[in-house]
Protein backbone atom coordinates (compact mmCIF):
# COMPACT_ATOMS: atom_id res chain seq x y z
CA UNK A 1 -21.80 -20.82 -4.33
CA UNK A 2 -22.04 -20.82 -8.11
CA UNK A 3 -24.81 -23.45 -8.08
CA UNK A 4 -26.79 -21.41 -5.53
CA UNK A 5 -26.06 -18.17 -7.43
CA UNK A 6 -25.14 -16.37 -4.22
CA UNK A 7 -22.37 -16.13 -1.68
CA UNK A 8 -19.56 -14.06 -0.31
CA UNK A 9 -15.77 -14.34 -0.24
CA UNK A 10 -13.98 -12.27 2.40
CA UNK A 11 -10.22 -11.67 2.33
CA UNK A 12 -8.28 -10.16 5.21
CA UNK A 13 -5.21 -8.36 3.93
CA UNK A 14 -2.22 -6.87 5.70
CA UNK A 15 -0.24 -3.70 5.16
CA UNK A 16 2.96 -5.65 4.44
CA UNK A 17 2.45 -5.44 0.72
CA UNK A 18 2.52 -1.65 0.77
CA UNK A 19 5.49 -1.25 3.11
CA UNK A 20 9.13 -1.00 2.12
CA UNK A 21 10.96 -3.26 4.53
CA UNK A 22 14.31 -4.66 3.41
CA UNK A 23 14.83 -8.39 3.75
CA UNK A 24 11.30 -9.67 3.17
CA UNK A 25 10.75 -9.21 -0.55
CA UNK A 26 8.84 -12.48 -1.06
CA UNK A 27 6.41 -11.61 1.75
CA UNK A 28 5.78 -8.17 0.26
CA UNK A 29 5.21 -9.55 -3.25
CA UNK A 30 2.64 -12.07 -2.07
CA UNK A 31 0.85 -9.62 0.20
CA UNK A 32 0.91 -6.97 -2.51
CA UNK A 33 -0.77 -9.37 -4.97
CA UNK A 34 -3.72 -10.14 -2.68
CA UNK A 35 -5.71 -6.95 -3.40
CA UNK A 36 -5.51 -7.66 -7.13
CA UNK A 37 -6.52 -11.28 -6.49
CA UNK A 38 -9.63 -10.03 -4.63
CA UNK A 39 -10.47 -7.72 -7.56
CA UNK A 40 -10.06 -10.58 -10.03
CA UNK A 41 -12.33 -12.84 -7.97
CA UNK A 42 -14.94 -10.08 -7.73
CA UNK A 43 -15.01 -9.68 -11.49
CA UNK A 44 -15.02 -13.43 -12.16
CA UNK A 45 -17.95 -14.17 -9.85
CA UNK A 46 -20.01 -10.98 -10.29
CA UNK A 47 -22.46 -12.64 -12.69
CA UNK A 48 -23.03 -15.42 -10.14
CA UNK A 49 -24.08 -12.88 -7.47
CA UNK A 50 -21.04 -13.76 -5.34
CA UNK A 51 -19.59 -10.80 -3.45
CA UNK A 52 -15.84 -10.57 -2.96
CA UNK A 53 -14.56 -8.17 -0.31
CA UNK A 54 -11.10 -7.41 0.99
CA UNK A 55 -10.39 -5.68 4.29
CA UNK A 56 -6.96 -4.16 4.91
CA UNK A 57 -6.57 -2.86 8.47
CA UNK A 58 -3.63 -0.63 9.24
CA UNK A 59 -0.39 -1.69 10.88
CA UNK A 60 -0.21 -1.66 14.66
CA UNK A 61 3.33 -0.68 15.59
CA UNK A 62 4.88 -3.23 17.97
CA UNK A 63 8.42 -4.33 18.86
CA UNK A 64 8.27 -6.50 15.72
CA UNK A 65 8.29 -3.28 13.67
CA UNK A 66 11.00 -1.50 15.67
CA UNK A 67 13.70 -2.04 13.02
CA UNK A 68 11.42 -1.11 10.13
CA UNK A 69 10.98 2.40 8.74
CA UNK A 70 7.53 3.91 9.02
CA UNK A 71 5.70 3.31 5.72
């Protein structure tokens, strides 16, 4: 992408980094860092005309989330 001076990086994030669920601290730390990682990539590759986007859809409540408080 840098040689061509164009491109796009797309990241798909999850809401787990913003939630407060006991027992999965490592998961939340990693997921919480991903938006900042996308911002850092965007800044690093801006001069190379490489777009960096991150999409963070909301949580869909399922049985998996039954024991978790609503964020």
